[in-house]
Amino acid sequence: IRANEPHCIPSITSEEVIAFVIRINWYYMWNICADYIDAAKIHT
């Protein structure tokens, strides 16, 4: 999910859902990852 992208879990069919969430800062993408990922891909 990208920044500012609407998202939710509108329906749960099991008794509960456990999700593990990783949130990535833009600083990390443009500084650390930019050495390994093409800039056009990061932009996308």
ModelCIF file with pLDDT and N, C-alpha, C, O atoms, coordinates in Angstrom:
data_MODEL
#
_entry.id   MODEL 
#
_entity.id                         1 
_entity.type                       polymer 
_entity.pdbx_number_of_molecules   1 
#
_entity_poly.entity_id                      1 
_entity_poly.type                           'polypeptide(L)' 
_entity_poly.nstd_linkage                   no 
_entity_poly.nstd_monomer                   no 
_entity_poly.pdbx_seq_one_letter_code       IRANEPHCIPSITSEEVIAFVIRINWYYMWNICADYIDAAKIHT 
_entity_poly.pdbx_seq_one_letter_code_can   IRANEPHCIPSITSEEVIAFVIRINWYYMWNICADYIDAAKIHT 
_entity_poly.pdbx_strand_id                 A 
#
loop_
_entity_poly_seq.entity_id 
_entity_poly_seq.num 
_entity_poly_seq.mon_id 
_entity_poly_seq.hetero 
1 1  ILE n 
1 2  ARG n 
1 3  ALA n 
1 4  ASN n 
1 5  GLU n 
1 6  PRO n 
1 7  HIS n 
1 8  CYS n 
1 9  ILE n 
1 10 PRO n 
1 11 SER n 
1 12 ILE n 
1 13 THR n 
1 14 SER n 
1 15 GLU n 
1 16 GLU n 
1 17 VAL n 
1 18 ILE n 
1 19 ALA n 
1 20 PHE n 
1 21 VAL n 
1 22 ILE n 
1 23 ARG n 
1 24 ILE n 
1 25 ASN n 
1 26 TRP n 
1 27 TYR n 
1 28 TYR n 
1 29 MET n 
1 30 TRP n 
1 31 ASN n 
1 32 ILE n 
1 33 CYS n 
1 34 ALA n 
1 35 ASP n 
1 36 TYR n 
1 37 ILE n 
1 38 ASP n 
1 39 ALA n 
1 40 ALA n 
1 41 LYS n 
1 42 ILE n 
1 43 HIS n 
1 44 THR n 
#
_struct_asym.id          A 
_struct_asym.entity_id   1 
#
loop_
_ma_qa_metric.id 
_ma_qa_metric.mode 
_ma_qa_metric.name 
_ma_qa_metric.software_group_id 
_ma_qa_metric.type 
1 global pLDDT . pLDDT 
2 local  pLDDT . pLDDT 
#
_ma_qa_metric_global.metric_id      1 
_ma_qa_metric_global.metric_value   88.80 
_ma_qa_metric_global.model_id       1 
_ma_qa_metric_global.ordinal_id     1 
#
loop_
_ma_qa_metric_local.label_asym_id 
_ma_qa_metric_local.label_comp_id 
_ma_qa_metric_local.label_seq_id 
_ma_qa_metric_local.metric_id 
_ma_qa_metric_local.metric_value 
_ma_qa_metric_local.model_id 
_ma_qa_metric_local.ordinal_id 
A ILE 1  2 92.00 1 1  
A ARG 2  2 88.00 1 2  
A ALA 3  2 82.00 1 3  
A ASN 4  2 83.00 1 4  
A GLU 5  2 86.00 1 5  
A PRO 6  2 87.00 1 6  
A HIS 7  2 89.00 1 7  
A CYS 8  2 89.00 1 8  
A ILE 9  2 91.00 1 9  
A PRO 10 2 89.00 1 10 
A SER 11 2 90.00 1 11 
A ILE 12 2 93.00 1 12 
A THR 13 2 93.00 1 13 
A SER 14 2 94.00 1 14 
A GLU 15 2 92.00 1 15 
A GLU 16 2 93.00 1 16 
A VAL 17 2 95.00 1 17 
A ILE 18 2 95.00 1 18 
A ALA 19 2 95.00 1 19 
A PHE 20 2 96.00 1 20 
A VAL 21 2 94.00 1 21 
A ILE 22 2 94.00 1 22 
A ARG 23 2 92.00 1 23 
A ILE 24 2 92.00 1 24 
A ASN 25 2 86.00 1 25 
A TRP 26 2 82.00 1 26 
A TYR 27 2 80.00 1 27 
A TYR 28 2 86.00 1 28 
A MET 29 2 88.00 1 29 
A TRP 30 2 85.00 1 30 
A ASN 31 2 82.00 1 31 
A ILE 32 2 85.00 1 32 
A CYS 33 2 89.00 1 33 
A ALA 34 2 88.00 1 34 
A ASP 35 2 89.00 1 35 
A TYR 36 2 92.00 1 36 
A ILE 37 2 91.00 1 37 
A ASP 38 2 87.00 1 38 
A ALA 39 2 86.00 1 39 
A ALA 40 2 85.00 1 40 
A LYS 41 2 86.00 1 41 
A ILE 42 2 88.00 1 42 
A HIS 43 2 84.00 1 43 
A THR 44 2 84.00 1 44 
#
loop_
_atom_site.group_PDB 
_atom_site.id 
_atom_site.type_symbol 
_atom_site.label_atom_id 
_atom_site.label_alt_id 
_atom_site.label_comp_id 
_atom_site.label_asym_id 
_atom_site.label_entity_id 
_atom_site.label_seq_id 
_atom_site.pdbx_PDB_ins_code 
_atom_site.Cartn_x 
_atom_site.Cartn_y 
_atom_site.Cartn_z 
_atom_site.occupancy 
_atom_site.B_iso_or_equiv 
_atom_site.pdbx_formal_charge 
_atom_site.auth_seq_id 
_atom_site.auth_comp_id 
_atom_site.auth_asym_id 
_atom_site.auth_atom_id 
_atom_site.pdbx_PDB_model_num 
ATOM 1   N N  . ILE A 1 1  ? 0.846   -1.198  0.000   1.00 92.00 ? 1  ILE A N  1 
ATOM 2   C CA . ILE A 1 1  ? 0.000   0.000   0.000   1.00 92.00 ? 1  ILE A CA 1 
ATOM 3   C C  . ILE A 1 1  ? 0.879   1.244   0.000   1.00 92.00 ? 1  ILE A C  1 
ATOM 4   O O  . ILE A 1 1  ? 1.808   1.361   0.799   1.00 92.00 ? 1  ILE A O  1 
ATOM 5   N N  . ARG A 1 2  ? 0.576   2.167   -0.902  1.00 88.00 ? 2  ARG A N  1 
ATOM 6   C CA . ARG A 1 2  ? 1.369   3.396   -0.992  1.00 88.00 ? 2  ARG A CA 1 
ATOM 7   C C  . ARG A 1 2  ? 0.834   4.471   -0.052  1.00 88.00 ? 2  ARG A C  1 
ATOM 8   O O  . ARG A 1 2  ? -0.292  4.374   0.437   1.00 88.00 ? 2  ARG A O  1 
ATOM 9   N N  . ALA A 1 3  ? 1.640   5.487   0.194   1.00 82.00 ? 3  ALA A N  1 
ATOM 10  C CA . ALA A 1 3  ? 1.224   6.599   1.038   1.00 82.00 ? 3  ALA A CA 1 
ATOM 11  C C  . ALA A 1 3  ? -0.049  7.222   0.487   1.00 82.00 ? 3  ALA A C  1 
ATOM 12  O O  . ALA A 1 3  ? -0.190  7.419   -0.720  1.00 82.00 ? 3  ALA A O  1 
ATOM 13  N N  . ASN A 1 4  ? -0.963  7.524   1.381   1.00 83.00 ? 4  ASN A N  1 
ATOM 14  C CA . ASN A 1 4  ? -2.238  8.160   1.029   1.00 83.00 ? 4  ASN A CA 1 
ATOM 15  C C  . ASN A 1 4  ? -3.166  7.281   0.199   1.00 83.00 ? 4  ASN A C  1 
ATOM 16  O O  . ASN A 1 4  ? -4.141  7.776   -0.366  1.00 83.00 ? 4  ASN A O  1 
ATOM 17  N N  . GLU A 1 5  ? -2.877  5.986   0.120   1.00 86.00 ? 5  GLU A N  1 
ATOM 18  C CA . GLU A 1 5  ? -3.748  5.085   -0.640  1.00 86.00 ? 5  GLU A CA 1 
ATOM 19  C C  . GLU A 1 5  ? -4.812  4.496   0.289   1.00 86.00 ? 5  GLU A C  1 
ATOM 20  O O  . GLU A 1 5  ? -4.463  3.871   1.290   1.00 86.00 ? 5  GLU A O  1 
ATOM 21  N N  . PRO A 1 6  ? -6.105  4.680   -0.020  1.00 87.00 ? 6  PRO A N  1 
ATOM 22  C CA . PRO A 1 6  ? -7.166  4.146   0.850   1.00 87.00 ? 6  PRO A CA 1 
ATOM 23  C C  . PRO A 1 6  ? -7.083  2.621   0.931   1.00 87.00 ? 6  PRO A C  1 
ATOM 24  O O  . PRO A 1 6  ? -6.869  1.952   -0.080  1.00 87.00 ? 6  PRO A O  1 
ATOM 25  N N  . HIS A 1 7  ? -7.251  2.079   2.132   1.00 89.00 ? 7  HIS A N  1 
ATOM 26  C CA . HIS A 1 7  ? -7.227  0.633   2.304   1.00 89.00 ? 7  HIS A CA 1 
ATOM 27  C C  . HIS A 1 7  ? -7.944  0.258   3.598   1.00 89.00 ? 7  HIS A C  1 
ATOM 28  O O  . HIS A 1 7  ? -8.003  1.055   4.534   1.00 89.00 ? 7  HIS A O  1 
ATOM 29  N N  . CYS A 1 8  ? -8.482  -0.941  3.646   1.00 89.00 ? 8  CYS A N  1 
ATOM 30  C CA . CYS A 1 8  ? -9.179  -1.396  4.846   1.00 89.00 ? 8  CYS A CA 1 
ATOM 31  C C  . CYS A 1 8  ? -9.485  -2.881  4.730   1.00 89.00 ? 8  CYS A C  1 
ATOM 32  O O  . CYS A 1 8  ? -9.277  -3.491  3.681   1.00 89.00 ? 8  CYS A O  1 
ATOM 33  N N  . ILE A 1 9  ? -9.988  -3.460  5.837   1.00 91.00 ? 9  ILE A N  1 
ATOM 34  C CA . ILE A 1 9  ? -10.506 -4.823  5.860   1.00 91.00 ? 9  ILE A CA 1 
ATOM 35  C C  . ILE A 1 9  ? -12.001 -4.702  6.155   1.00 91.00 ? 9  ILE A C  1 
ATOM 36  O O  . ILE A 1 9  ? -12.395 -4.652  7.321   1.00 91.00 ? 9  ILE A O  1 
ATOM 37  N N  . PRO A 1 10 ? -12.842 -4.654  5.112   1.00 89.00 ? 10 PRO A N  1 
ATOM 38  C CA . PRO A 1 10 ? -14.272 -4.438  5.318   1.00 89.00 ? 10 PRO A CA 1 
ATOM 39  C C  . PRO A 1 10 ? -15.030 -5.674  5.795   1.00 89.00 ? 10 PRO A C  1 
ATOM 40  O O  . PRO A 1 10 ? -16.150 -5.564  6.295   1.00 89.00 ? 10 PRO A O  1 
ATOM 41  N N  . SER A 1 11 ? -14.417 -6.859  5.639   1.00 90.00 ? 11 SER A N  1 
ATOM 42  C CA . SER A 1 11 ? -15.117 -8.083  6.016   1.00 90.00 ? 11 SER A CA 1 
ATOM 43  C C  . SER A 1 11 ? -14.136 -9.119  6.539   1.00 90.00 ? 11 SER A C  1 
ATOM 44  O O  . SER A 1 11 ? -13.086 -9.351  5.940   1.00 90.00 ? 11 SER A O  1 
ATOM 45  N N  . ILE A 1 12 ? -14.488 -9.747  7.672   1.00 93.00 ? 12 ILE A N  1 
ATOM 46  C CA . ILE A 1 12 ? -13.676 -10.808 8.257   1.00 93.00 ? 12 ILE A CA 1 
ATOM 47  C C  . ILE A 1 12 ? -14.535 -12.059 8.361   1.00 93.00 ? 12 ILE A C  1 
ATOM 48  O O  . ILE A 1 12 ? -15.607 -12.020 8.966   1.00 93.00 ? 12 ILE A O  1 
ATOM 49  N N  . THR A 1 13 ? -14.084 -13.172 7.779   1.00 93.00 ? 13 THR A N  1 
ATOM 50  C CA . THR A 1 13 ? -14.864 -14.407 7.800   1.00 93.00 ? 13 THR A CA 1 
ATOM 51  C C  . THR A 1 13 ? -14.394 -15.374 8.880   1.00 93.00 ? 13 THR A C  1 
ATOM 52  O O  . THR A 1 13 ? -15.126 -16.300 9.232   1.00 93.00 ? 13 THR A O  1 
ATOM 53  N N  . SER A 1 14 ? -13.184 -15.180 9.414   1.00 94.00 ? 14 SER A N  1 
ATOM 54  C CA . SER A 1 14 ? -12.697 -15.965 10.541  1.00 94.00 ? 14 SER A CA 1 
ATOM 55  C C  . SER A 1 14 ? -13.029 -15.211 11.825  1.00 94.00 ? 14 SER A C  1 
ATOM 56  O O  . SER A 1 14 ? -13.551 -14.098 11.766  1.00 94.00 ? 14 SER A O  1 
ATOM 57  N N  . GLU A 1 15 ? -12.738 -15.794 12.970  1.00 92.00 ? 15 GLU A N  1 
ATOM 58  C CA . GLU A 1 15 ? -13.044 -15.120 14.233  1.00 92.00 ? 15 GLU A CA 1 
ATOM 59  C C  . GLU A 1 15 ? -12.191 -13.876 14.427  1.00 92.00 ? 15 GLU A C  1 
ATOM 60  O O  . GLU A 1 15 ? -12.639 -12.893 15.018  1.00 92.00 ? 15 GLU A O  1 
ATOM 61  N N  . GLU A 1 16 ? -10.957 -13.923 13.926  1.00 93.00 ? 16 GLU A N  1 
ATOM 62  C CA . GLU A 1 16 ? -10.069 -12.767 14.050  1.00 93.00 ? 16 GLU A CA 1 
ATOM 63  C C  . GLU A 1 16 ? -9.012  -12.807 12.952  1.00 93.00 ? 16 GLU A C  1 
ATOM 64  O O  . GLU A 1 16 ? -8.788  -13.829 12.303  1.00 93.00 ? 16 GLU A O  1 
ATOM 65  N N  . VAL A 1 17 ? -8.379  -11.664 12.773  1.00 95.00 ? 17 VAL A N  1 
ATOM 66  C CA . VAL A 1 17 ? -7.292  -11.549 11.794  1.00 95.00 ? 17 VAL A CA 1 
ATOM 67  C C  . VAL A 1 17 ? -6.099  -10.920 12.492  1.00 95.00 ? 17 VAL A C  1 
ATOM 68  O O  . VAL A 1 17 ? -6.228  -9.895  13.161  1.00 95.00 ? 17 VAL A O  1 
ATOM 69  N N  . ILE A 1 18 ? -4.943  -11.536 12.333  1.00 95.00 ? 18 ILE A N  1 
ATOM 70  C CA . ILE A 1 18 ? -3.695  -10.957 12.830  1.00 95.00 ? 18 ILE A CA 1 
ATOM 71  C C  . ILE A 1 18 ? -2.828  -10.609 11.621  1.00 95.00 ? 18 ILE A C  1 
ATOM 72  O O  . ILE A 1 18 ? -2.510  -11.469 10.799  1.00 95.00 ? 18 ILE A O  1 
ATOM 73  N N  . ALA A 1 19 ? -2.461  -9.358  11.529  1.00 95.00 ? 19 ALA A N  1 
ATOM 74  C CA . ALA A 1 19 ? -1.612  -8.900  10.420  1.00 95.00 ? 19 ALA A CA 1 
ATOM 75  C C  . ALA A 1 19 ? -0.324  -8.313  10.986  1.00 95.00 ? 19 ALA A C  1 
ATOM 76  O O  . ALA A 1 19 ? -0.317  -7.664  12.032  1.00 95.00 ? 19 ALA A O  1 
ATOM 77  N N  . PHE A 1 20 ? 0.761   -8.561  10.266  1.00 96.00 ? 20 PHE A N  1 
ATOM 78  C CA . PHE A 1 20 ? 2.063   -7.983  10.608  1.00 96.00 ? 20 PHE A CA 1 
ATOM 79  C C  . PHE A 1 20 ? 2.310   -6.854  9.624   1.00 96.00 ? 20 PHE A C  1 
ATOM 80  O O  . PHE A 1 20 ? 2.284   -7.064  8.411   1.00 96.00 ? 20 PHE A O  1 
ATOM 81  N N  . VAL A 1 21 ? 2.550   -5.658  10.142  1.00 94.00 ? 21 VAL A N  1 
ATOM 82  C CA . VAL A 1 21 ? 2.642   -4.463  9.310   1.00 94.00 ? 21 VAL A CA 1 
ATOM 83  C C  . VAL A 1 21 ? 4.065   -3.915  9.310   1.00 94.00 ? 21 VAL A C  1 
ATOM 84  O O  . VAL A 1 21 ? 4.684   -3.763  10.363  1.00 94.00 ? 21 VAL A O  1 
ATOM 85  N N  . ILE A 1 22 ? 4.575   -3.620  8.115   1.00 94.00 ? 22 ILE A N  1 
ATOM 86  C CA . ILE A 1 22 ? 5.871   -2.951  7.956   1.00 94.00 ? 22 ILE A CA 1 
ATOM 87  C C  . ILE A 1 22 ? 5.596   -1.619  7.269   1.00 94.00 ? 22 ILE A C  1 
ATOM 88  O O  . ILE A 1 22 ? 5.038   -1.599  6.172   1.00 94.00 ? 22 ILE A O  1 
ATOM 89  N N  . ARG A 1 23 ? 5.973   -0.517  7.888   1.00 92.00 ? 23 ARG A N  1 
ATOM 90  C CA . ARG A 1 23 ? 5.799   0.804   7.284   1.00 92.00 ? 23 ARG A CA 1 
ATOM 91  C C  . ARG A 1 23 ? 7.170   1.367   6.906   1.00 92.00 ? 23 ARG A C  1 
ATOM 92  O O  . ARG A 1 23 ? 8.082   1.442   7.729   1.00 92.00 ? 23 ARG A O  1 
ATOM 93  N N  . ILE A 1 24 ? 7.284   1.756   5.646   1.00 92.00 ? 24 ILE A N  1 
ATOM 94  C CA . ILE A 1 24 ? 8.561   2.185   5.078   1.00 92.00 ? 24 ILE A CA 1 
ATOM 95  C C  . ILE A 1 24 ? 8.562   3.702   4.884   1.00 92.00 ? 24 ILE A C  1 
ATOM 96  O O  . ILE A 1 24 ? 7.670   4.250   4.235   1.00 92.00 ? 24 ILE A O  1 
ATOM 97  N N  . ASN A 1 25 ? 9.564   4.376   5.450   1.00 86.00 ? 25 ASN A N  1 
ATOM 98  C CA . ASN A 1 25 ? 9.670   5.826   5.310   1.00 86.00 ? 25 ASN A CA 1 
ATOM 99  C C  . ASN A 1 25 ? 10.209  6.192   3.923   1.00 86.00 ? 25 ASN A C  1 
ATOM 100 O O  . ASN A 1 25 ? 11.051  5.481   3.375   1.00 86.00 ? 25 ASN A O  1 
ATOM 101 N N  . TRP A 1 26 ? 9.715   7.316   3.351   1.00 82.00 ? 26 TRP A N  1 
ATOM 102 C CA . TRP A 1 26 ? 10.209  7.782   2.044   1.00 82.00 ? 26 TRP A CA 1 
ATOM 103 C C  . TRP A 1 26 ? 11.714  8.007   2.082   1.00 82.00 ? 26 TRP A C  1 
ATOM 104 O O  . TRP A 1 26 ? 12.396  7.796   1.079   1.00 82.00 ? 26 TRP A O  1 
ATOM 105 N N  . TYR A 1 27 ? 12.235  8.432   3.220   1.00 80.00 ? 27 TYR A N  1 
ATOM 106 C CA . TYR A 1 27 ? 13.676  8.674   3.379   1.00 80.00 ? 27 TYR A CA 1 
ATOM 107 C C  . TYR A 1 27 ? 14.455  7.388   3.085   1.00 80.00 ? 27 TYR A C  1 
ATOM 108 O O  . TYR A 1 27 ? 15.492  7.422   2.423   1.00 80.00 ? 27 TYR A O  1 
ATOM 109 N N  . TYR A 1 28 ? 13.956  6.271   3.576   1.00 86.00 ? 28 TYR A N  1 
ATOM 110 C CA . TYR A 1 28 ? 14.601  4.982   3.359   1.00 86.00 ? 28 TYR A CA 1 
ATOM 111 C C  . TYR A 1 28 ? 14.587  4.609   1.880   1.00 86.00 ? 28 TYR A C  1 
ATOM 112 O O  . TYR A 1 28 ? 15.581  4.111   1.351   1.00 86.00 ? 28 TYR A O  1 
ATOM 113 N N  . MET A 1 29 ? 13.453  4.851   1.212   1.00 88.00 ? 29 MET A N  1 
ATOM 114 C CA . MET A 1 29 ? 13.343  4.504   -0.201  1.00 88.00 ? 29 MET A CA 1 
ATOM 115 C C  . MET A 1 29 ? 14.315  5.302   -1.052  1.00 88.00 ? 29 MET A C  1 
ATOM 116 O O  . MET A 1 29 ? 14.985  4.744   -1.920  1.00 88.00 ? 29 MET A O  1 
ATOM 117 N N  . TRP A 1 30 ? 14.399  6.618   -0.807  1.00 85.00 ? 30 TRP A N  1 
ATOM 118 C CA . TRP A 1 30 ? 15.209  7.476   -1.678  1.00 85.00 ? 30 TRP A CA 1 
ATOM 119 C C  . TRP A 1 30 ? 16.686  7.525   -1.293  1.00 85.00 ? 30 TRP A C  1 
ATOM 120 O O  . TRP A 1 30 ? 17.502  8.027   -2.066  1.00 85.00 ? 30 TRP A O  1 
ATOM 121 N N  . ASN A 1 31 ? 17.045  7.016   -0.119  1.00 82.00 ? 31 ASN A N  1 
ATOM 122 C CA . ASN A 1 31 ? 18.435  7.075   0.306   1.00 82.00 ? 31 ASN A CA 1 
ATOM 123 C C  . ASN A 1 31 ? 19.090  5.697   0.339   1.00 82.00 ? 31 ASN A C  1 
ATOM 124 O O  . ASN A 1 31 ? 20.091  5.473   -0.342  1.00 82.00 ? 31 ASN A O  1 
ATOM 125 N N  . ILE A 1 32 ? 18.548  4.792   1.108   1.00 85.00 ? 32 ILE A N  1 
ATOM 126 C CA . ILE A 1 32 ? 19.151  3.459   1.212   1.00 85.00 ? 32 ILE A CA 1 
ATOM 127 C C  . ILE A 1 32 ? 18.816  2.620   -0.023  1.00 85.00 ? 32 ILE A C  1 
ATOM 128 O O  . ILE A 1 32 ? 19.707  2.062   -0.664  1.00 85.00 ? 32 ILE A O  1 
ATOM 129 N N  . CYS A 1 33 ? 17.530  2.538   -0.349  1.00 89.00 ? 33 CYS A N  1 
ATOM 130 C CA . CYS A 1 33 ? 17.105  1.669   -1.454  1.00 89.00 ? 33 CYS A CA 1 
ATOM 131 C C  . CYS A 1 33 ? 17.553  2.173   -2.816  1.00 89.00 ? 33 CYS A C  1 
ATOM 132 O O  . CYS A 1 33 ? 17.698  1.385   -3.750  1.00 89.00 ? 33 CYS A O  1 
ATOM 133 N N  . ALA A 1 34 ? 17.774  3.477   -2.939  1.00 88.00 ? 34 ALA A N  1 
ATOM 134 C CA . ALA A 1 34 ? 18.145  4.054   -4.231  1.00 88.00 ? 34 ALA A CA 1 
ATOM 135 C C  . ALA A 1 34 ? 19.477  3.522   -4.752  1.00 88.00 ? 34 ALA A C  1 
ATOM 136 O O  . ALA A 1 34 ? 19.758  3.618   -5.947  1.00 88.00 ? 34 ALA A O  1 
ATOM 137 N N  . ASP A 1 35 ? 20.295  2.963   -3.867  1.00 89.00 ? 35 ASP A N  1 
ATOM 138 C CA . ASP A 1 35 ? 21.558  2.366   -4.309  1.00 89.00 ? 35 ASP A CA 1 
ATOM 139 C C  . ASP A 1 35 ? 21.347  0.986   -4.939  1.00 89.00 ? 35 ASP A C  1 
ATOM 140 O O  . ASP A 1 35 ? 22.250  0.444   -5.577  1.00 89.00 ? 35 ASP A O  1 
ATOM 141 N N  . TYR A 1 36 ? 20.145  0.421   -4.756  1.00 92.00 ? 36 TYR A N  1 
ATOM 142 C CA . TYR A 1 36 ? 19.902  -0.944  -5.213  1.00 92.00 ? 36 TYR A CA 1 
ATOM 143 C C  . TYR A 1 36 ? 18.679  -1.074  -6.121  1.00 92.00 ? 36 TYR A C  1 
ATOM 144 O O  . TYR A 1 36 ? 18.530  -2.074  -6.825  1.00 92.00 ? 36 TYR A O  1 
ATOM 145 N N  . ILE A 1 37 ? 17.804  -0.066  -6.106  1.00 91.00 ? 37 ILE A N  1 
ATOM 146 C CA . ILE A 1 37 ? 16.581  -0.113  -6.903  1.00 91.00 ? 37 ILE A CA 1 
ATOM 147 C C  . ILE A 1 37 ? 16.587  1.057   -7.876  1.00 91.00 ? 37 ILE A C  1 
ATOM 148 O O  . ILE A 1 37 ? 16.891  2.185   -7.488  1.00 91.00 ? 37 ILE A O  1 
ATOM 149 N N  . ASP A 1 38 ? 16.257  0.799   -9.124  1.00 87.00 ? 38 ASP A N  1 
ATOM 150 C CA . ASP A 1 38 ? 16.202  1.836   -10.142 1.00 87.00 ? 38 ASP A CA 1 
ATOM 151 C C  . ASP A 1 38 ? 15.270  2.966   -9.700  1.00 87.00 ? 38 ASP A C  1 
ATOM 152 O O  . ASP A 1 38 ? 14.196  2.709   -9.156  1.00 87.00 ? 38 ASP A O  1 
ATOM 153 N N  . ALA A 1 39 ? 15.679  4.216   -9.933  1.00 86.00 ? 39 ALA A N  1 
ATOM 154 C CA . ALA A 1 39 ? 14.901  5.378   -9.491  1.00 86.00 ? 39 ALA A CA 1 
ATOM 155 C C  . ALA A 1 39 ? 13.499  5.395   -10.076 1.00 86.00 ? 39 ALA A C  1 
ATOM 156 O O  . ALA A 1 39 ? 12.553  5.812   -9.408  1.00 86.00 ? 39 ALA A O  1 
ATOM 157 N N  . ALA A 1 40 ? 13.354  4.942   -11.326 1.00 85.00 ? 40 ALA A N  1 
ATOM 158 C CA . ALA A 1 40 ? 12.029  4.912   -11.952 1.00 85.00 ? 40 ALA A CA 1 
ATOM 159 C C  . ALA A 1 40 ? 11.104  3.937   -11.224 1.00 85.00 ? 40 ALA A C  1 
ATOM 160 O O  . ALA A 1 40 ? 9.905   4.190   -11.106 1.00 85.00 ? 40 ALA A O  1 
ATOM 161 N N  . LYS A 1 41 ? 11.651  2.838   -10.743 1.00 86.00 ? 41 LYS A N  1 
ATOM 162 C CA . LYS A 1 41 ? 10.840  1.875   -9.997  1.00 86.00 ? 41 LYS A CA 1 
ATOM 163 C C  . LYS A 1 41 ? 10.432  2.439   -8.646  1.00 86.00 ? 41 LYS A C  1 
ATOM 164 O O  . LYS A 1 41 ? 9.296   2.253   -8.211  1.00 86.00 ? 41 LYS A O  1 
ATOM 165 N N  . ILE A 1 42 ? 11.360  3.132   -7.978  1.00 88.00 ? 42 ILE A N  1 
ATOM 166 C CA . ILE A 1 42 ? 11.014  3.763   -6.700  1.00 88.00 ? 42 ILE A CA 1 
ATOM 167 C C  . ILE A 1 42 ? 9.911   4.778   -6.909  1.00 88.00 ? 42 ILE A C  1 
ATOM 168 O O  . ILE A 1 42 ? 8.956   4.837   -6.133  1.00 88.00 ? 42 ILE A O  1 
ATOM 169 N N  . HIS A 1 43 ? 10.040  5.574   -7.952  1.00 84.00 ? 43 HIS A N  1 
ATOM 170 C CA . HIS A 1 43 ? 9.030   6.588   -8.259  1.00 84.00 ? 43 HIS A CA 1 
ATOM 171 C C  . HIS A 1 43 ? 7.666   5.929   -8.471  1.00 84.00 ? 43 HIS A C  1 
ATOM 172 O O  . HIS A 1 43 ? 6.652   6.436   -7.991  1.00 84.00 ? 43 HIS A O  1 
ATOM 173 N N  . THR A 1 44 ? 7.638   4.815   -9.179  1.00 84.00 ? 44 THR A N  1 
ATOM 174 C CA . THR A 1 44 ? 6.386   4.106   -9.416  1.00 84.00 ? 44 THR A CA 1 
ATOM 175 C C  . THR A 1 44 ? 5.823   3.539   -8.122  1.00 84.00 ? 44 THR A C  1 
ATOM 176 O O  . THR A 1 44 ? 4.767   2.907   -8.133  1.00 84.00 ? 44 THR A O  1 
#
